[in-house]
N, C-alpha and C. Protein backbone atom coordinates (compact mmCIF):
# COMPACT_ATOMS: atom_id res chain seq x y z
N MET A 1 -65.32 -95.36 61.00
CA MET A 1 -63.94 -95.38 61.43
C MET A 1 -63.19 -94.21 60.80
N THR A 2 -62.33 -93.60 61.57
CA THR A 2 -61.59 -92.45 61.04
C THR A 2 -60.48 -92.91 60.10
N SER A 3 -60.00 -91.98 59.32
CA SER A 3 -58.91 -92.29 58.39
C SER A 3 -57.65 -92.69 59.15
N SER A 4 -57.42 -92.15 60.34
CA SER A 4 -56.24 -92.52 61.13
C SER A 4 -56.28 -94.00 61.53
N ILE A 5 -57.45 -94.46 61.93
CA ILE A 5 -57.60 -95.87 62.31
C ILE A 5 -57.42 -96.75 61.08
N LEU A 6 -58.04 -96.38 59.98
CA LEU A 6 -57.89 -97.16 58.75
C LEU A 6 -56.44 -97.19 58.28
N GLU A 7 -55.74 -96.08 58.44
CA GLU A 7 -54.32 -96.02 58.06
C GLU A 7 -53.48 -96.95 58.94
N ALA A 8 -53.77 -96.99 60.24
CA ALA A 8 -53.05 -97.88 61.15
C ALA A 8 -53.32 -99.34 60.80
N ILE A 9 -54.58 -99.67 60.53
CA ILE A 9 -54.93 -101.05 60.15
C ILE A 9 -54.23 -101.43 58.85
N LYS A 10 -54.22 -100.52 57.89
CA LYS A 10 -53.54 -100.78 56.61
C LYS A 10 -52.05 -101.03 56.85
N SER A 11 -51.43 -100.22 57.67
CA SER A 11 -50.01 -100.38 57.99
C SER A 11 -49.76 -101.74 58.64
N TRP A 12 -50.62 -102.12 59.60
CA TRP A 12 -50.49 -103.42 60.27
C TRP A 12 -50.61 -104.55 59.26
N ASN A 13 -51.64 -104.49 58.43
CA ASN A 13 -51.87 -105.57 57.47
C ASN A 13 -50.76 -105.67 56.44
N GLU A 14 -50.12 -104.56 56.10
CA GLU A 14 -48.96 -104.61 55.20
C GLU A 14 -47.80 -105.35 55.86
N ASP A 15 -47.64 -105.16 57.16
CA ASP A 15 -46.56 -105.83 57.88
C ASP A 15 -46.88 -107.28 58.20
N PHE A 16 -48.14 -107.59 58.55
CA PHE A 16 -48.48 -108.91 59.08
C PHE A 16 -49.66 -109.59 58.40
N GLY A 17 -50.09 -109.11 57.25
CA GLY A 17 -51.29 -109.63 56.59
C GLY A 17 -51.27 -111.11 56.32
N ASN A 18 -50.07 -111.67 56.15
CA ASN A 18 -49.99 -113.12 55.91
C ASN A 18 -49.90 -113.89 57.23
N CYS A 19 -50.03 -113.20 58.34
CA CYS A 19 -49.90 -113.83 59.65
C CYS A 19 -51.12 -113.53 60.53
N ILE A 20 -51.28 -112.28 60.89
CA ILE A 20 -52.39 -111.86 61.74
C ILE A 20 -52.96 -110.58 61.13
N LYS A 21 -54.17 -110.66 60.67
CA LYS A 21 -54.75 -109.59 59.86
C LYS A 21 -55.98 -108.99 60.54
N TRP A 22 -56.10 -107.68 60.46
CA TRP A 22 -57.28 -106.97 60.95
C TRP A 22 -58.26 -106.86 59.79
N ILE A 23 -59.49 -107.33 60.03
CA ILE A 23 -60.52 -107.31 58.98
C ILE A 23 -61.79 -106.66 59.53
N PRO A 24 -62.63 -106.11 58.65
CA PRO A 24 -63.91 -105.55 59.12
C PRO A 24 -64.79 -106.66 59.71
N ARG A 25 -65.52 -106.34 60.75
CA ARG A 25 -66.40 -107.32 61.38
C ARG A 25 -67.61 -107.58 60.49
N LYS A 26 -67.93 -108.85 60.38
CA LYS A 26 -69.17 -109.25 59.71
C LYS A 26 -70.07 -109.86 60.78
N MET A 27 -69.91 -111.14 61.02
CA MET A 27 -70.73 -111.81 62.02
C MET A 27 -69.89 -112.42 63.14
N GLN A 28 -68.62 -112.05 63.23
CA GLN A 28 -67.75 -112.65 64.23
C GLN A 28 -68.26 -112.37 65.65
N LYS A 29 -68.22 -113.40 66.47
CA LYS A 29 -68.66 -113.28 67.86
C LYS A 29 -67.64 -112.48 68.67
N ASP A 30 -66.37 -112.70 68.41
CA ASP A 30 -65.30 -111.96 69.08
C ASP A 30 -64.75 -110.93 68.11
N TYR A 31 -64.63 -109.70 68.56
CA TYR A 31 -64.18 -108.63 67.67
C TYR A 31 -63.60 -107.47 68.47
N VAL A 32 -62.90 -106.59 67.77
CA VAL A 32 -62.32 -105.38 68.37
C VAL A 32 -63.14 -104.19 67.89
N TYR A 33 -63.46 -103.31 68.83
CA TYR A 33 -64.25 -102.13 68.52
C TYR A 33 -63.47 -100.89 68.94
N PHE A 34 -63.22 -100.01 67.99
CA PHE A 34 -62.54 -98.74 68.27
C PHE A 34 -63.58 -97.73 68.72
N THR A 35 -63.29 -97.02 69.82
CA THR A 35 -64.22 -96.03 70.34
C THR A 35 -63.46 -94.84 70.91
N ASN A 36 -64.16 -93.74 71.08
CA ASN A 36 -63.57 -92.53 71.65
C ASN A 36 -63.73 -92.57 73.18
N GLY A 37 -62.74 -92.03 73.88
CA GLY A 37 -62.80 -91.97 75.34
C GLY A 37 -61.94 -90.86 75.88
N SER A 38 -61.84 -90.79 77.20
CA SER A 38 -61.09 -89.71 77.82
C SER A 38 -59.59 -89.95 77.81
N PHE A 39 -59.17 -91.21 77.63
CA PHE A 39 -57.75 -91.52 77.50
C PHE A 39 -57.61 -92.75 76.62
N CYS A 40 -56.37 -93.11 76.28
CA CYS A 40 -56.11 -94.17 75.31
C CYS A 40 -55.77 -95.47 76.05
N HIS A 41 -56.45 -96.55 75.71
CA HIS A 41 -56.11 -97.83 76.34
C HIS A 41 -56.79 -98.99 75.62
N SER A 42 -56.27 -100.17 75.93
CA SER A 42 -56.86 -101.42 75.48
C SER A 42 -56.43 -102.50 76.46
N GLU A 43 -57.24 -103.52 76.60
CA GLU A 43 -56.84 -104.67 77.39
C GLU A 43 -55.67 -105.35 76.69
N VAL A 44 -54.83 -106.02 77.47
CA VAL A 44 -53.72 -106.77 76.89
C VAL A 44 -54.20 -108.19 76.62
N GLY A 45 -54.11 -108.59 75.36
CA GLY A 45 -54.52 -109.94 74.98
C GLY A 45 -55.98 -110.00 74.59
N ARG A 46 -56.36 -111.16 74.13
CA ARG A 46 -57.71 -111.35 73.61
C ARG A 46 -58.76 -111.28 74.71
N VAL A 47 -59.82 -110.57 74.41
CA VAL A 47 -60.99 -110.48 75.28
C VAL A 47 -62.16 -111.05 74.49
N LYS A 48 -62.93 -111.91 75.11
CA LYS A 48 -64.07 -112.50 74.41
C LYS A 48 -65.13 -111.45 74.10
N TYR A 49 -65.81 -111.68 73.03
CA TYR A 49 -66.90 -110.84 72.54
C TYR A 49 -66.36 -109.48 72.10
N LYS A 50 -66.82 -108.40 72.69
CA LYS A 50 -66.45 -107.05 72.24
C LYS A 50 -65.23 -106.54 73.03
N GLN A 51 -64.12 -106.41 72.33
CA GLN A 51 -62.91 -105.87 72.94
C GLN A 51 -62.72 -104.42 72.48
N LEU A 52 -62.57 -103.52 73.42
CA LEU A 52 -62.46 -102.11 73.09
C LEU A 52 -61.01 -101.66 72.92
N ILE A 53 -60.79 -100.83 71.92
CA ILE A 53 -59.60 -100.00 71.85
C ILE A 53 -60.14 -98.58 71.99
N VAL A 54 -59.81 -97.95 73.10
CA VAL A 54 -60.30 -96.61 73.41
C VAL A 54 -59.24 -95.60 73.00
N LEU A 55 -59.64 -94.64 72.19
CA LEU A 55 -58.73 -93.62 71.68
C LEU A 55 -59.28 -92.24 72.01
N ASN A 56 -58.43 -91.37 72.49
CA ASN A 56 -58.80 -89.99 72.76
C ASN A 56 -58.46 -89.17 71.53
N GLU A 57 -59.44 -88.54 70.94
CA GLU A 57 -59.23 -87.82 69.68
C GLU A 57 -58.19 -86.72 69.79
N ALA A 58 -58.03 -86.14 70.96
CA ALA A 58 -57.07 -85.04 71.13
C ALA A 58 -55.64 -85.53 71.28
N ASN A 59 -55.45 -86.74 71.81
CA ASN A 59 -54.10 -87.16 72.19
C ASN A 59 -53.53 -88.39 71.52
N CYS A 60 -54.35 -89.23 70.93
CA CYS A 60 -53.77 -90.49 70.44
C CYS A 60 -54.40 -90.98 69.15
N MET A 61 -54.60 -90.09 68.22
CA MET A 61 -55.16 -90.50 66.94
C MET A 61 -54.11 -90.64 65.85
N GLY A 62 -52.85 -90.48 66.20
CA GLY A 62 -51.79 -90.73 65.23
C GLY A 62 -51.63 -92.22 64.99
N ARG A 63 -51.12 -92.59 63.83
CA ARG A 63 -50.97 -94.00 63.46
C ARG A 63 -50.21 -94.79 64.52
N GLY A 64 -49.12 -94.23 65.02
CA GLY A 64 -48.31 -94.95 66.01
C GLY A 64 -49.03 -95.19 67.32
N PHE A 65 -49.83 -94.23 67.76
CA PHE A 65 -50.60 -94.42 68.99
C PHE A 65 -51.64 -95.52 68.81
N ILE A 66 -52.27 -95.54 67.65
CA ILE A 66 -53.27 -96.57 67.37
C ILE A 66 -52.59 -97.94 67.27
N LEU A 67 -51.46 -98.01 66.59
CA LEU A 67 -50.71 -99.27 66.51
C LEU A 67 -50.30 -99.75 67.90
N HIS A 68 -49.94 -98.83 68.77
CA HIS A 68 -49.57 -99.16 70.15
C HIS A 68 -50.73 -99.89 70.83
N GLU A 69 -51.94 -99.36 70.72
CA GLU A 69 -53.10 -100.00 71.34
C GLU A 69 -53.44 -101.32 70.65
N MET A 70 -53.23 -101.40 69.35
CA MET A 70 -53.44 -102.67 68.64
C MET A 70 -52.46 -103.73 69.15
N MET A 71 -51.23 -103.33 69.44
CA MET A 71 -50.25 -104.27 69.99
C MET A 71 -50.71 -104.80 71.34
N HIS A 72 -51.29 -103.94 72.18
CA HIS A 72 -51.85 -104.42 73.45
C HIS A 72 -52.92 -105.47 73.17
N THR A 73 -53.78 -105.19 72.22
CA THR A 73 -54.90 -106.08 71.91
C THR A 73 -54.43 -107.46 71.48
N VAL A 74 -53.31 -107.54 70.78
CA VAL A 74 -52.81 -108.85 70.34
C VAL A 74 -51.86 -109.47 71.36
N GLY A 75 -51.73 -108.85 72.55
CA GLY A 75 -51.04 -109.52 73.64
C GLY A 75 -49.75 -108.92 74.14
N PHE A 76 -49.39 -107.75 73.70
CA PHE A 76 -48.11 -107.18 74.10
C PHE A 76 -48.27 -106.11 75.18
N THR A 77 -47.42 -106.21 76.20
CA THR A 77 -47.37 -105.20 77.25
C THR A 77 -46.29 -104.18 76.89
N HIS A 78 -46.08 -103.23 77.77
CA HIS A 78 -45.05 -102.22 77.51
C HIS A 78 -43.66 -102.82 77.65
N GLU A 79 -42.77 -102.38 76.81
CA GLU A 79 -41.39 -102.88 76.82
C GLU A 79 -40.71 -102.60 78.17
N HIS A 80 -40.95 -101.44 78.74
CA HIS A 80 -40.31 -101.07 80.01
C HIS A 80 -40.89 -101.83 81.20
N ASN A 81 -41.87 -102.71 80.98
CA ASN A 81 -42.43 -103.55 82.04
C ASN A 81 -41.83 -104.95 82.06
N ARG A 82 -40.92 -105.23 81.13
CA ARG A 82 -40.31 -106.57 81.07
C ARG A 82 -39.65 -106.92 82.41
N PRO A 83 -39.65 -108.21 82.77
CA PRO A 83 -39.02 -108.60 84.03
C PRO A 83 -37.51 -108.37 84.06
N ASP A 84 -36.88 -108.28 82.90
CA ASP A 84 -35.42 -108.06 82.83
C ASP A 84 -35.05 -106.60 82.60
N ARG A 85 -36.00 -105.70 82.71
CA ARG A 85 -35.76 -104.30 82.35
C ARG A 85 -34.68 -103.62 83.17
N ASP A 86 -34.42 -104.10 84.40
CA ASP A 86 -33.43 -103.44 85.26
C ASP A 86 -32.01 -103.53 84.71
N LYS A 87 -31.79 -104.39 83.74
CA LYS A 87 -30.49 -104.46 83.07
C LYS A 87 -30.34 -103.31 82.06
N TYR A 88 -31.45 -102.71 81.67
CA TYR A 88 -31.46 -101.75 80.58
C TYR A 88 -31.85 -100.33 81.00
N ILE A 89 -32.76 -100.25 81.97
CA ILE A 89 -33.18 -98.94 82.48
C ILE A 89 -33.35 -99.00 83.99
N GLU A 90 -33.20 -97.86 84.62
CA GLU A 90 -33.50 -97.73 86.05
C GLU A 90 -34.70 -96.80 86.17
N ILE A 91 -35.80 -97.31 86.72
CA ILE A 91 -37.00 -96.50 86.88
C ILE A 91 -36.78 -95.52 88.04
N LEU A 92 -37.10 -94.27 87.80
CA LEU A 92 -36.95 -93.21 88.80
C LEU A 92 -38.35 -92.88 89.35
N PHE A 93 -38.83 -93.76 90.23
CA PHE A 93 -40.22 -93.67 90.70
C PHE A 93 -40.55 -92.33 91.35
N LEU A 94 -39.58 -91.70 92.01
CA LEU A 94 -39.86 -90.41 92.65
C LEU A 94 -40.16 -89.31 91.64
N ASN A 95 -39.76 -89.51 90.39
CA ASN A 95 -40.05 -88.53 89.33
C ASN A 95 -41.38 -88.78 88.64
N ILE A 96 -42.02 -89.87 88.98
CA ILE A 96 -43.26 -90.27 88.29
C ILE A 96 -44.46 -89.96 89.18
N PRO A 97 -45.46 -89.26 88.67
CA PRO A 97 -46.66 -89.00 89.48
C PRO A 97 -47.26 -90.31 90.00
N TYR A 98 -47.74 -90.27 91.23
CA TYR A 98 -48.24 -91.47 91.89
C TYR A 98 -49.24 -92.24 91.01
N GLU A 99 -50.16 -91.51 90.38
CA GLU A 99 -51.21 -92.18 89.60
C GLU A 99 -50.68 -92.86 88.34
N TRP A 100 -49.43 -92.60 87.97
CA TRP A 100 -48.82 -93.22 86.80
C TRP A 100 -47.87 -94.36 87.16
N ARG A 101 -47.54 -94.55 88.42
CA ARG A 101 -46.49 -95.51 88.80
C ARG A 101 -46.81 -96.95 88.42
N ASN A 102 -48.09 -97.31 88.42
CA ASN A 102 -48.43 -98.69 88.03
C ASN A 102 -48.09 -98.96 86.56
N GLN A 103 -47.95 -97.91 85.74
CA GLN A 103 -47.57 -98.07 84.34
C GLN A 103 -46.10 -98.45 84.18
N TYR A 104 -45.35 -98.40 85.28
CA TYR A 104 -43.92 -98.70 85.25
C TYR A 104 -43.55 -99.93 86.07
N LYS A 105 -44.55 -100.67 86.53
CA LYS A 105 -44.25 -101.86 87.32
C LYS A 105 -43.76 -102.98 86.40
N LYS A 106 -42.94 -103.84 86.96
CA LYS A 106 -42.43 -104.98 86.20
C LYS A 106 -43.53 -106.03 86.07
N GLU A 107 -43.61 -106.63 84.90
CA GLU A 107 -44.51 -107.77 84.68
C GLU A 107 -43.73 -109.04 85.01
N SER A 108 -44.43 -110.08 85.35
CA SER A 108 -43.76 -111.34 85.67
C SER A 108 -43.78 -112.32 84.50
N LEU A 109 -44.16 -111.83 83.32
CA LEU A 109 -44.26 -112.71 82.16
C LEU A 109 -42.88 -112.99 81.57
N GLU A 110 -42.29 -114.10 81.95
CA GLU A 110 -40.98 -114.47 81.42
C GLU A 110 -41.04 -114.67 79.90
N ALA A 111 -42.21 -115.04 79.39
CA ALA A 111 -42.36 -115.26 77.95
C ALA A 111 -42.07 -114.00 77.15
N MET A 112 -42.23 -112.83 77.77
CA MET A 112 -41.93 -111.58 77.07
C MET A 112 -40.49 -111.56 76.58
N MET A 113 -39.59 -112.12 77.39
CA MET A 113 -38.16 -112.08 77.07
C MET A 113 -37.80 -113.07 75.98
N GLU A 114 -38.58 -114.12 75.84
CA GLU A 114 -38.27 -115.16 74.87
C GLU A 114 -38.55 -114.73 73.44
N LEU A 115 -39.37 -113.72 73.26
CA LEU A 115 -39.74 -113.29 71.91
C LEU A 115 -38.67 -112.43 71.25
N GLY A 116 -37.81 -111.81 72.04
CA GLY A 116 -36.77 -110.98 71.45
C GLY A 116 -36.06 -110.14 72.49
N PRO A 117 -35.01 -109.44 72.06
CA PRO A 117 -34.22 -108.62 72.98
C PRO A 117 -34.98 -107.37 73.43
N TYR A 118 -34.46 -106.75 74.48
CA TYR A 118 -35.02 -105.48 74.95
C TYR A 118 -34.89 -104.47 73.83
N ASP A 119 -35.96 -103.73 73.60
CA ASP A 119 -36.02 -102.82 72.45
C ASP A 119 -36.35 -101.40 72.92
N TYR A 120 -35.31 -100.58 73.05
CA TYR A 120 -35.51 -99.18 73.45
C TYR A 120 -36.40 -98.43 72.47
N TYR A 121 -36.36 -98.83 71.21
CA TYR A 121 -37.06 -98.08 70.16
C TYR A 121 -38.41 -98.69 69.80
N SER A 122 -38.87 -99.61 70.64
CA SER A 122 -40.17 -100.24 70.44
C SER A 122 -41.30 -99.21 70.52
N LEU A 123 -42.32 -99.44 69.74
CA LEU A 123 -43.54 -98.65 69.82
C LEU A 123 -44.20 -98.84 71.20
N MET A 124 -43.81 -99.90 71.89
CA MET A 124 -44.40 -100.23 73.18
C MET A 124 -43.60 -99.68 74.36
N HIS A 125 -42.56 -98.90 74.11
CA HIS A 125 -41.74 -98.32 75.18
C HIS A 125 -42.22 -96.90 75.45
N TYR A 126 -42.37 -96.55 76.71
CA TYR A 126 -42.71 -95.17 77.06
C TYR A 126 -41.51 -94.27 76.83
N GLU A 127 -41.78 -92.99 76.65
CA GLU A 127 -40.71 -92.02 76.45
C GLU A 127 -39.96 -91.78 77.76
N LEU A 128 -38.79 -91.18 77.62
CA LEU A 128 -37.92 -90.90 78.77
C LEU A 128 -38.58 -89.94 79.76
N GLN A 129 -39.31 -88.98 79.24
CA GLN A 129 -39.92 -87.94 80.08
C GLN A 129 -41.04 -88.53 80.93
N SER A 130 -41.07 -88.16 82.19
CA SER A 130 -42.12 -88.61 83.09
C SER A 130 -43.44 -87.95 82.73
N PRO A 131 -44.55 -88.69 82.82
CA PRO A 131 -45.86 -88.08 82.53
C PRO A 131 -46.14 -86.91 83.48
N ASP A 132 -46.60 -85.82 82.94
CA ASP A 132 -47.02 -84.66 83.72
C ASP A 132 -45.90 -83.98 84.52
N ARG A 133 -44.65 -84.33 84.26
CA ARG A 133 -43.55 -83.71 85.01
C ARG A 133 -42.40 -83.41 84.06
N ASP A 134 -41.57 -82.49 84.46
CA ASP A 134 -40.42 -82.10 83.65
C ASP A 134 -39.16 -82.82 84.13
N LYS A 135 -39.30 -84.12 84.37
CA LYS A 135 -38.19 -84.94 84.87
C LYS A 135 -38.21 -86.27 84.13
N PRO A 136 -37.06 -86.96 84.09
CA PRO A 136 -37.05 -88.27 83.43
C PRO A 136 -37.74 -89.33 84.29
N ALA A 137 -38.44 -90.26 83.64
CA ALA A 137 -39.09 -91.37 84.33
C ALA A 137 -38.12 -92.52 84.57
N PHE A 138 -37.05 -92.55 83.79
CA PHE A 138 -36.05 -93.61 83.95
C PHE A 138 -34.72 -93.13 83.42
N ARG A 139 -33.70 -93.89 83.80
CA ARG A 139 -32.34 -93.63 83.33
C ARG A 139 -31.91 -94.82 82.50
N VAL A 140 -31.31 -94.56 81.35
CA VAL A 140 -30.82 -95.63 80.49
C VAL A 140 -29.48 -96.10 81.04
N ILE A 141 -29.31 -97.41 81.20
CA ILE A 141 -28.09 -97.94 81.81
C ILE A 141 -26.93 -98.04 80.82
N PRO A 142 -27.05 -98.73 79.71
CA PRO A 142 -25.88 -98.79 78.82
C PRO A 142 -25.70 -97.48 78.05
N GLU A 143 -24.48 -97.22 77.66
CA GLU A 143 -24.20 -96.05 76.83
C GLU A 143 -24.50 -96.38 75.37
N GLY A 144 -24.67 -95.34 74.58
CA GLY A 144 -24.85 -95.53 73.14
C GLY A 144 -26.29 -95.65 72.69
N VAL A 145 -27.24 -95.51 73.60
CA VAL A 145 -28.66 -95.57 73.24
C VAL A 145 -29.11 -94.16 72.86
N ASP A 146 -29.77 -94.03 71.73
CA ASP A 146 -30.28 -92.73 71.28
C ASP A 146 -31.57 -92.45 72.04
N VAL A 147 -31.46 -91.72 73.15
CA VAL A 147 -32.63 -91.50 74.01
C VAL A 147 -33.72 -90.68 73.32
N SER A 148 -33.37 -89.95 72.28
CA SER A 148 -34.39 -89.16 71.56
C SER A 148 -35.37 -90.06 70.81
N ARG A 149 -34.98 -91.32 70.56
CA ARG A 149 -35.86 -92.26 69.84
C ARG A 149 -36.70 -93.12 70.77
N ILE A 150 -36.40 -93.08 72.06
CA ILE A 150 -37.17 -93.89 73.02
C ILE A 150 -38.56 -93.29 73.17
N GLY A 151 -39.57 -94.14 73.08
CA GLY A 151 -40.95 -93.69 73.22
C GLY A 151 -41.57 -93.18 71.94
N GLN A 152 -40.93 -93.48 70.82
CA GLN A 152 -41.46 -93.01 69.53
C GLN A 152 -42.83 -93.62 69.27
N ARG A 153 -43.70 -92.86 68.65
CA ARG A 153 -45.05 -93.32 68.32
C ARG A 153 -45.31 -93.12 66.83
N ASN A 154 -44.34 -93.55 66.01
CA ASN A 154 -44.48 -93.40 64.57
C ASN A 154 -44.70 -94.72 63.86
N PHE A 155 -43.98 -95.76 64.29
CA PHE A 155 -44.01 -97.03 63.57
C PHE A 155 -43.55 -98.16 64.48
N LEU A 156 -43.91 -99.37 64.08
CA LEU A 156 -43.41 -100.56 64.77
C LEU A 156 -41.93 -100.70 64.45
N SER A 157 -41.13 -101.01 65.46
CA SER A 157 -39.71 -101.23 65.22
C SER A 157 -39.54 -102.60 64.55
N GLU A 158 -38.37 -102.84 64.03
CA GLU A 158 -38.10 -104.16 63.43
C GLU A 158 -38.20 -105.25 64.48
N ILE A 159 -37.79 -104.95 65.71
CA ILE A 159 -37.90 -105.95 66.78
C ILE A 159 -39.36 -106.16 67.17
N ASP A 160 -40.17 -105.10 67.17
CA ASP A 160 -41.62 -105.27 67.39
C ASP A 160 -42.19 -106.26 66.37
N LYS A 161 -41.84 -106.06 65.12
CA LYS A 161 -42.34 -106.92 64.04
C LYS A 161 -41.88 -108.36 64.24
N LEU A 162 -40.62 -108.52 64.61
CA LEU A 162 -40.08 -109.86 64.85
C LEU A 162 -40.84 -110.55 65.98
N LYS A 163 -41.13 -109.82 67.05
CA LYS A 163 -41.84 -110.41 68.20
C LYS A 163 -43.25 -110.85 67.82
N VAL A 164 -43.95 -110.04 67.03
CA VAL A 164 -45.30 -110.43 66.58
C VAL A 164 -45.21 -111.72 65.76
N MET A 165 -44.26 -111.76 64.85
CA MET A 165 -44.11 -112.96 64.01
C MET A 165 -43.74 -114.18 64.86
N ARG A 166 -42.85 -114.01 65.82
CA ARG A 166 -42.47 -115.14 66.68
C ARG A 166 -43.64 -115.65 67.50
N LEU A 167 -44.51 -114.75 67.93
CA LEU A 167 -45.66 -115.15 68.73
C LEU A 167 -46.74 -115.82 67.90
N TYR A 168 -47.04 -115.26 66.73
CA TYR A 168 -48.18 -115.73 65.95
C TYR A 168 -47.83 -116.63 64.77
N CYS A 169 -46.70 -116.43 64.15
CA CYS A 169 -46.37 -117.19 62.94
C CYS A 169 -44.88 -117.55 62.90
N PRO A 170 -44.39 -118.26 63.89
CA PRO A 170 -42.95 -118.56 63.90
C PRO A 170 -42.52 -119.38 62.68
N GLU A 171 -43.45 -120.14 62.12
CA GLU A 171 -43.11 -120.96 60.94
C GLU A 171 -42.83 -120.11 59.71
N LYS A 172 -43.21 -118.84 59.74
CA LYS A 172 -42.99 -117.97 58.58
C LYS A 172 -41.71 -117.15 58.68
N LEU A 173 -40.94 -117.37 59.74
CA LEU A 173 -39.67 -116.65 59.90
C LEU A 173 -38.54 -117.38 59.19
């Protein structure tokens, strides 16, 4: 495992070690395996047996990118896919390359909204800029949002942390 992955796991365990902890595999039947690939992705939620977190060494080996994929693995989708997102952002589909548009579709998981408020600064929110284009992918509806912080890939936001705790360890809040 690379130092970037170990650093992301350490960061996660510092935030959630008393709730949901990443540990080295011994004999566990179900486990997460980090591997290299052509792009970065993970299934959302638990997958039986071997669950992959695929990381592209050129594009997503920073701690925040790895934490983003770890969040998918423990069950979180993108913030901009929430069913209530139209109150907060307007997706500009014509600015988004066709092959990326499914990344901006609304999810029907009402439970996403119950864990916490819409979080522009979530590690799980895409940046304002459209992939592969010099145009915005969405417009922020309310005023006062620092658009330069949207799509950050440095750390879990406080609301991200709250949502993980509400999902996995509500008794510890």
